[in-house]
C-alpha atoms as a PDB file:
ATOM      1  CA  VAL A   1     -21.781 -10.795  -0.673  1.00  0.00           C
ATOM      2  CA  ILE A   2     -19.635  -8.177  -2.390  1.00  0.00           C
ATOM      3  CA  LYS A   3     -20.444  -4.732  -1.045  1.00  0.00           C
ATOM      4  CA  ALA A   4     -19.796  -1.359  -2.632  1.00  0.00           C
ATOM      5  CA  SER A   5     -16.983   0.710  -1.186  1.00  0.00           C
ATOM      6  CA  PRO A   6     -17.760   2.824   1.882  1.00  0.00           C
ATOM      7  CA  GLN A   7     -17.672   6.523   1.114  1.00  0.00           C
ATOM      8  CA  VAL A   8     -15.801   9.386   2.745  1.00  0.00           C
ATOM      9  CA  ASP A   9     -17.556  12.733   3.212  1.00  0.00           C
ATOM     10  CA  VAL A  10     -15.717  15.594   1.489  1.00  0.00           C
ATOM     11  CA  GLY A  11     -18.236  18.355   2.101  1.00  0.00           C
ATOM     12  CA  ALA A  12     -20.296  18.860  -1.046  1.00  0.00           C
ATOM     13  CA  PHE A  13     -19.554  15.334  -2.276  1.00  0.00           C
ATOM     14  CA  LYS A  14     -18.641  11.870  -1.083  1.00  0.00           C
ATOM     15  CA  LEU A  15     -15.718   9.892  -2.491  1.00  0.00           C
ATOM     16  CA  ASP A  16     -15.365   6.122  -2.403  1.00  0.00           C
ATOM     17  CA  ARG A  17     -12.731   4.986   0.053  1.00  0.00           C
ATOM     18  CA  TYR A  18     -11.493   2.294  -2.335  1.00  0.00           C
ATOM     19  CA  GLU A  19     -10.745   2.041  -6.007  1.00  0.00           C
ATOM     20  CA  VAL A  20     -13.215  -0.277  -7.756  1.00  0.00           C
ATOM     21  CA  SER A  21     -12.061  -3.873  -7.367  1.00  0.00           C
ATOM     22  CA  ILE A  22     -12.136  -6.654  -9.927  1.00  0.00           C
ATOM     23  CA  ALA A  23     -14.682  -8.488  -7.760  1.00  0.00           C
ATOM     24  CA  LEU A  24     -17.062  -5.534  -7.619  1.00  0.00           C
ATOM     25  CA  TYR A  25     -16.794  -4.792 -11.337  1.00  0.00           C
ATOM     26  CA  ALA A  26     -17.386  -8.497 -12.049  1.00  0.00           C
ATOM     27  CA  ARG A  27     -20.630  -8.257 -10.109  1.00  0.00           C
ATOM     28  CA  CYS A  28     -21.817  -5.581 -12.550  1.00  0.00           C
ATOM     29  CA  PHE A  29     -20.518  -7.639 -15.500  1.00  0.00           C
ATOM     30  CA  ARG A  30     -22.580 -10.644 -14.401  1.00  0.00           C
ATOM     31  CA  SER A  31     -25.645  -8.469 -13.829  1.00  0.00           C
ATOM     32  CA  ASP A  32     -25.459  -6.365 -17.000  1.00  0.00           C
ATOM     33  CA  SER A  33     -22.635  -7.143 -19.412  1.00  0.00           C
ATOM     34  CA  GLN A  34     -23.747  -4.409 -21.802  1.00  0.00           C
ATOM     35  CA  ARG A  35     -23.319  -1.758 -19.125  1.00  0.00           C
ATOM     36  CA  CYS A  36     -20.125  -3.311 -17.743  1.00  0.00           C
ATOM     37  CA  PRO A  37     -18.436  -5.256 -20.558  1.00  0.00           C
ATOM     38  CA  LYS A  38     -15.503  -7.509 -19.826  1.00  0.00           C
ATOM     39  CA  PRO A  39     -12.148  -5.659 -19.804  1.00  0.00           C
ATOM     40  CA  GLU A  40     -10.721  -7.740 -22.634  1.00  0.00           C
ATOM     41  CA  SER A  41      -7.097  -6.715 -22.042  1.00  0.00           C
ATOM     42  CA  ASN A  42      -7.182  -7.446 -18.310  1.00  0.00           C
ATOM     43  CA  GLU A  43      -5.678 -10.883 -17.676  1.00  0.00           C
ATOM     44  CA  ASP A  44      -6.335 -10.663 -13.927  1.00  0.00           C
ATOM     45  CA  PHE A  45     -10.067 -10.140 -14.587  1.00  0.00           C
ATOM     46  CA  SER A  46     -10.116 -13.199 -16.869  1.00  0.00           C
ATOM     47  CA  ARG A  47      -8.280 -15.309 -14.282  1.00  0.00           C
ATOM     48  CA  TYR A  48     -10.665 -14.115 -11.561  1.00  0.00           C
ATOM     49  CA  SER A  49     -13.643 -15.044 -13.748  1.00  0.00           C
ATOM     50  CA  ASP A  50     -12.068 -18.477 -14.267  1.00  0.00           C
ATOM     51  CA  GLY A  51     -11.916 -19.077 -10.527  1.00  0.00           C
ATOM     52  CA  ASP A  52      -8.799 -17.375  -9.144  1.00  0.00           C
ATOM     53  CA  LYS A  53     -10.644 -15.442  -6.441  1.00  0.00           C
ATOM     54  CA  GLN A  54      -7.414 -14.180  -4.846  1.00  0.00           C
ATOM     55  CA  LEU A  55      -7.322 -11.541  -7.585  1.00  0.00           C
ATOM     56  CA  GLY A  56     -10.703 -10.077  -6.669  1.00  0.00           C
ATOM     57  CA  ASP A  57      -9.326  -7.328  -4.420  1.00  0.00           C
ATOM     58  CA  LEU A  58      -7.049  -5.859  -7.098  1.00  0.00           C
ATOM     59  CA  PRO A  59      -8.303  -2.688  -8.806  1.00  0.00           C
ATOM     60  CA  VAL A  60     -10.055  -3.297 -12.098  1.00  0.00           C
ATOM     61  CA  THR A  61      -8.125  -1.644 -14.943  1.00  0.00           C
ATOM     62  CA  ASP A  62      -8.231  -1.611 -18.749  1.00  0.00           C
ATOM     63  CA  VAL A  63     -11.643   0.074 -18.635  1.00  0.00           C
ATOM     64  CA  THR A  64     -12.687   3.048 -20.731  1.00  0.00           C
ATOM     65  CA  ALA A  65     -14.084   6.214 -19.176  1.00  0.00           C
ATOM     66  CA  ILE A  66     -17.434   5.301 -20.719  1.00  0.00           C
ATOM     67  CA  GLN A  67     -17.389   1.928 -18.962  1.00  0.00           C
ATOM     68  CA  ALA A  68     -16.182   3.551 -15.743  1.00  0.00           C
ATOM     69  CA  GLN A  69     -19.021   6.073 -15.758  1.00  0.00           C
ATOM     70  CA  ALA A  70     -21.569   3.355 -16.552  1.00  0.00           C
ATOM     71  CA  PHE A  71     -20.288   1.249 -13.666  1.00  0.00           C
ATOM     72  CA  CYS A  72     -20.531   4.132 -11.196  1.00  0.00           C
ATOM     73  CA  GLN A  73     -24.076   4.848 -12.393  1.00  0.00           C
ATOM     74  CA  TRP A  74     -24.923   1.185 -11.800  1.00  0.00           C
ATOM     75  CA  LEU A  75     -23.998   1.824  -8.150  1.00  0.00           C
ATOM     76  CA  GLY A  76     -26.057   5.017  -8.085  1.00  0.00           C
ATOM     77  CA  ARG A  77     -22.864   7.062  -8.165  1.00  0.00           C
ATOM     78  CA  ARG A  78     -20.712   8.874 -10.733  1.00  0.00           C
ATOM     79  CA  LEU A  79     -17.110   9.551 -11.671  1.00  0.00           C
ATOM     80  CA  PRO A  80     -15.506  12.442  -9.775  1.00  0.00           C
ATOM     81  CA  THR A  81     -14.383  15.641 -11.412  1.00  0.00           C
ATOM     82  CA  PHE A  82     -10.677  16.440 -11.426  1.00  0.00           C
ATOM     83  CA  GLU A  83     -11.362  19.318  -9.024  1.00  0.00           C
ATOM     84  CA  GLU A  84     -12.954  16.908  -6.547  1.00  0.00           C
ATOM     85  CA  TRP A  85      -9.922  14.644  -6.726  1.00  0.00           C
ATOM     86  CA  VAL A  86      -7.663  17.649  -6.002  1.00  0.00           C
ATOM     87  CA  ILE A  87      -9.807  18.601  -2.993  1.00  0.00           C
ATOM     88  CA  ALA A  88      -9.500  15.065  -1.623  1.00  0.00           C
ATOM     89  CA  VAL A  89      -5.718  14.998  -2.085  1.00  0.00           C
ATOM     90  CA  ARG A  90      -5.316  18.380  -0.392  1.00  0.00           C
ATOM     91  CA  ARG A  91      -7.370  17.160   2.548  1.00  0.00           C
ATOM     92  CA  TRP A  92      -5.752  13.764   3.102  1.00  0.00           C
ATOM     93  CA  GLU A  93      -2.399  13.689   1.356  1.00  0.00           C
ATOM     94  CA  SER A  94      -0.966  17.224   1.484  1.00  0.00           C
ATOM     95  CA  GLU A  95       1.231  16.402   4.480  1.00  0.00           C
ATOM     96  CA  VAL A  96       3.200  13.776   2.533  1.00  0.00           C
ATOM     97  CA  ILE A  97       3.873  15.795  -0.631  1.00  0.00           C
ATOM     98  CA  GLN A  98       7.068  17.741  -0.034  1.00  0.00           C
ATOM     99  CA  ALA A  99       8.215  21.004  -1.600  1.00  0.00           C
ATOM    100  CA  ASP A 100      10.427  19.181  -4.102  1.00  0.00           C
ATOM    101  CA  ASP A 101       7.483  17.055  -5.314  1.00  0.00           C
ATOM    102  CA  THR A 102       8.636  13.881  -3.590  1.00  0.00           C
ATOM    103  CA  LEU A 103       6.727  11.760  -1.110  1.00  0.00           C
ATOM    104  CA  ALA A 104       7.662  11.965   2.554  1.00  0.00           C
ATOM    105  CA  ASN A 105       6.798   8.270   2.972  1.00  0.00           C
ATOM    106  CA  SER A 106       7.367   6.808  -0.487  1.00  0.00           C
ATOM    107  CA  ASP A 107       7.279   3.201   0.750  1.00  0.00           C
ATOM    108  CA  HIS A 108       3.618   3.721   1.655  1.00  0.00           C
ATOM    109  CA  TYR A 109       2.645   4.440  -1.958  1.00  0.00           C
ATOM    110  CA  ASN A 110       2.571   2.041  -4.868  1.00  0.00           C
ATOM    111  CA  MET A 111       4.684   4.000  -7.308  1.00  0.00           C
ATOM    112  CA  ARG A 112       7.631   3.232  -9.533  1.00  0.00           C
ATOM    113  CA  GLN A 113      10.396   4.057  -7.126  1.00  0.00           C
ATOM    114  CA  SER A 114       9.647   0.932  -5.091  1.00  0.00           C
ATOM    115  CA  ARG A 115       6.861  -1.177  -6.625  1.00  0.00           C
ATOM    116  CA  SER A 116       6.092  -2.984  -9.875  1.00  0.00           C
ATOM    117  CA  SER A 117       2.487  -4.224  -9.694  1.00  0.00           C
ATOM    118  CA  LEU A 118      -0.980  -3.338  -8.434  1.00  0.00           C
ATOM    119  CA  TRP A 119      -1.890  -3.545  -4.753  1.00  0.00           C
ATOM    120  CA  PRO A 120      -5.303  -4.685  -3.423  1.00  0.00           C
ATOM    121  CA  VAL A 121      -7.732  -1.775  -3.158  1.00  0.00           C
ATOM    122  CA  ASN A 122      -8.164  -2.354   0.585  1.00  0.00           C
ATOM    123  CA  ARG A 123      -4.465  -2.620   1.427  1.00  0.00           C
ATOM    124  CA  VAL A 124      -3.843  -0.294   4.370  1.00  0.00           C
ATOM    125  CA  THR A 125      -0.306   1.029   4.712  1.00  0.00           C
ATOM    126  CA  ALA A 126       1.352   2.606   7.736  1.00  0.00           C
ATOM    127  CA  ASP A 127       0.181   6.126   6.978  1.00  0.00           C
ATOM    128  CA  THR A 128      -3.478   5.051   6.966  1.00  0.00           C
ATOM    129  CA  GLN A 129      -3.573   2.939  10.119  1.00  0.00           C
ATOM    130  CA  ASP A 130      -4.613   5.786  12.401  1.00  0.00           C
ATOM    131  CA  GLY A 131      -8.222   4.658  12.468  1.00  0.00           C
ATOM    132  CA  ALA A 132      -9.403   7.539  10.326  1.00  0.00           C
ATOM    133  CA  LEU A 133     -11.744   6.769   7.456  1.00  0.00           C
ATOM    134  CA  ARG A 134      -9.916   8.172   4.466  1.00  0.00           C
ATOM    135  CA  PRO A 135      -9.566   7.253   0.793  1.00  0.00           C
ATOM    136  CA  LEU A 136      -6.882   4.664   0.079  1.00  0.00           C
ATOM    137  CA  HIS A 137      -4.505   4.903  -2.890  1.00  0.00           C
ATOM    138  CA  LEU A 138      -5.463   8.402  -4.009  1.00  0.00           C
ATOM    139  CA  ILE A 139      -1.783   8.559  -4.929  1.00  0.00           C
ATOM    140  CA  GLY A 140      -0.309   5.688  -6.905  1.00  0.00           C
ATOM    141  CA  ASN A 141      -1.572   2.152  -7.591  1.00  0.00           C
ATOM    142  CA  ALA A 142      -3.971   2.977 -10.461  1.00  0.00           C
ATOM    143  CA  TRP A 143      -4.656   6.189 -12.340  1.00  0.00           C
ATOM    144  CA  GLU A 144      -8.299   7.220 -11.878  1.00  0.00           C
ATOM    145  CA  TRP A 145     -10.678   8.542 -14.514  1.00  0.00           C
ATOM    146  CA  THR A 146     -12.296  11.950 -13.955  1.00  0.00           C
ATOM    147  CA  THR A 147     -14.994  13.752 -15.933  1.00  0.00           C
ATOM    148  CA  THR A 148     -12.955  16.924 -16.489  1.00  0.00           C
ATOM    149  CA  ASP A 149     -11.270  17.471 -19.837  1.00  0.00           C
ATOM    150  CA  THR A 150      -7.957  19.197 -20.484  1.00  0.00           C
ATOM    151  CA  GLU A 151      -9.712  22.572 -20.903  1.00  0.00           C
ATOM    152  CA  ASN A 152     -11.602  22.120 -17.610  1.00  0.00           C
ATOM    153  CA  ARG A 153     -14.904  21.387 -19.315  1.00  0.00           C
ATOM    154  CA  GLN A 154     -17.185  18.690 -17.946  1.00  0.00           C
ATOM    155  CA  TRP A 155     -17.700  15.562 -20.010  1.00  0.00           C
ATOM    156  CA  ASP A 156     -21.259  14.526 -20.871  1.00  0.00           C
ATOM    157  CA  GLY A 157     -20.489  10.831 -20.405  1.00  0.00           C
ATOM    158  CA  ARG A 158     -20.907  10.020 -24.087  1.00  0.00           C
ATOM    159  CA  SER A 159     -18.640  12.172 -26.270  1.00  0.00           C
ATOM    160  CA  SER A 160     -15.447  10.452 -27.373  1.00  0.00           C
ATOM    161  CA  ASN A 161     -13.535  13.430 -28.789  1.00  0.00           C
ATOM    162  CA  LEU A 162     -12.548  15.092 -25.484  1.00  0.00           C
ATOM    163  CA  GLU A 163      -9.295  14.311 -23.691  1.00  0.00           C
ATOM    164  CA  LEU A 164     -10.201  13.592 -20.075  1.00  0.00           C
ATOM    165  CA  GLN A 165      -7.880  14.117 -17.136  1.00  0.00           C
ATOM    166  CA  ARG A 166      -6.779  11.008 -15.274  1.00  0.00           C
ATOM    167  CA  ALA A 167      -5.501  11.601 -11.759  1.00  0.00           C
ATOM    168  CA  GLY A 168      -3.291  10.118  -9.066  1.00  0.00           C
ATOM    169  CA  GLY A 169      -0.571   8.245 -10.875  1.00  0.00           C
ATOM    170  CA  GLY A 170      -0.187   4.511 -11.351  1.00  0.00           C
ATOM    171  CA  PHE A 171       2.080   1.770 -10.118  1.00  0.00           C
ATOM    172  CA  ILE A 172       4.769   2.579 -12.694  1.00  0.00           C
ATOM    173  CA  SER A 173       4.482   6.367 -12.292  1.00  0.00           C
ATOM    174  CA  TYR A 174       7.084   8.680 -10.805  1.00  0.00           C
ATOM    175  CA  MET A 175       6.205  11.309  -8.241  1.00  0.00           C
ATOM    176  CA  ARG A 176       6.718  14.040 -10.835  1.00  0.00           C
ATOM    177  CA  ASP A 177       3.774  12.584 -12.794  1.00  0.00           C
ATOM    178  CA  LEU A 178       1.425  13.813 -10.061  1.00  0.00           C
ATOM    179  CA  SER A 179       2.059  17.468 -10.850  1.00  0.00           C
ATOM    180  CA  ASP A 180      -0.032  17.088 -14.002  1.00  0.00           C
ATOM    181  CA  SER A 181      -3.079  15.077 -14.902  1.00  0.00           C
ATOM    182  CA  TYR A 182      -2.634  12.508 -17.633  1.00  0.00           C
ATOM    183  CA  PRO A 183      -5.001  13.107 -20.580  1.00  0.00           C
ATOM    184  CA  SER A 184      -6.701  10.255 -22.413  1.00  0.00           C
ATOM    185  CA  PHE A 185      -9.670   9.900 -24.718  1.00  0.00           C
ATOM    186  CA  PRO A 186     -12.774   8.284 -23.155  1.00  0.00           C
ATOM    187  CA  HIS A 187     -12.419   5.118 -25.244  1.00  0.00           C
ATOM    188  CA  ASP A 188      -8.750   4.550 -24.287  1.00  0.00           C
ATOM    189  CA  VAL A 189      -7.756   1.713 -21.960  1.00  0.00           C
ATOM    190  CA  SER A 190      -4.631   1.196 -19.887  1.00  0.00           C
ATOM    191  CA  PRO A 191      -3.430  -1.501 -17.460  1.00  0.00           C
ATOM    192  CA  GLU A 192      -2.679   1.370 -15.070  1.00  0.00           C
ATOM    193  CA  THR A 193      -6.076   3.094 -15.185  1.00  0.00           C
ATOM    194  CA  GLY A 194      -9.040   2.195 -12.997  1.00  0.00           C
ATOM    195  CA  ILE A 195     -12.109   3.647 -11.323  1.00  0.00           C
ATOM    196  CA  ARG A 196     -13.083   5.461  -8.137  1.00  0.00           C
ATOM    197  CA  CYS A 197     -16.680   6.624  -7.795  1.00  0.00           C
ATOM    198  CA  ALA A 198     -18.167   9.700  -6.137  1.00  0.00           C
ATOM    199  CA  LYS A 199     -21.596  10.972  -5.166  1.00  0.00           C
ATOM    200  CA  ASP A 200     -23.149  14.332  -4.352  1.00  0.00           C
ATOM    201  CA  SER A 201     -23.763  14.868  -0.635  1.00  0.00           C
ATOM    202  CA  PRO A 202     -27.375  15.538   0.397  1.00  0.00           C
ATOM    203  CA  GLN A 203     -28.075  19.239   0.763  1.00  0.00           C
END
């Protein structure tokens, strides 16, 4: 049974510990292919669907923001705002971002200076083996869609003419890419861009 990612409490909201995996997205695809259509450009998803189950733990990419939001809603969750992503990074990753915008432990992050492909969403590196429940791959691996546009307005989940901020950098990004979000239209797809879901905390 494929289970949804555990969530980490960040005060007013909860953030999924893992990026959405191919296996979990495929579960939505099999249940409701209109809500979660096949990422046509994603060869790993196609190979997983054809039986290569070793690819199931990789993050699903080549999804639009519209598909990403629909998937999170299928789980009873939503996409995070860019501000929520920043809060999470400040809480869990601030100690590794140095004054010159480099990573203190760059080998622990899937970014261009040392890596060339996606890591499994549940891969735990040395800096996350302290037993603490914390989000994995907030930095690097796959860019993550947010619902905040480049003018800090919130997306309604349907409009296609706003440029949304993607956060976190991808596996071919440099550290300097993290100083800015990367804008994309909601219907754009990229082999570097995936999904992490969030949810409001009970009041």
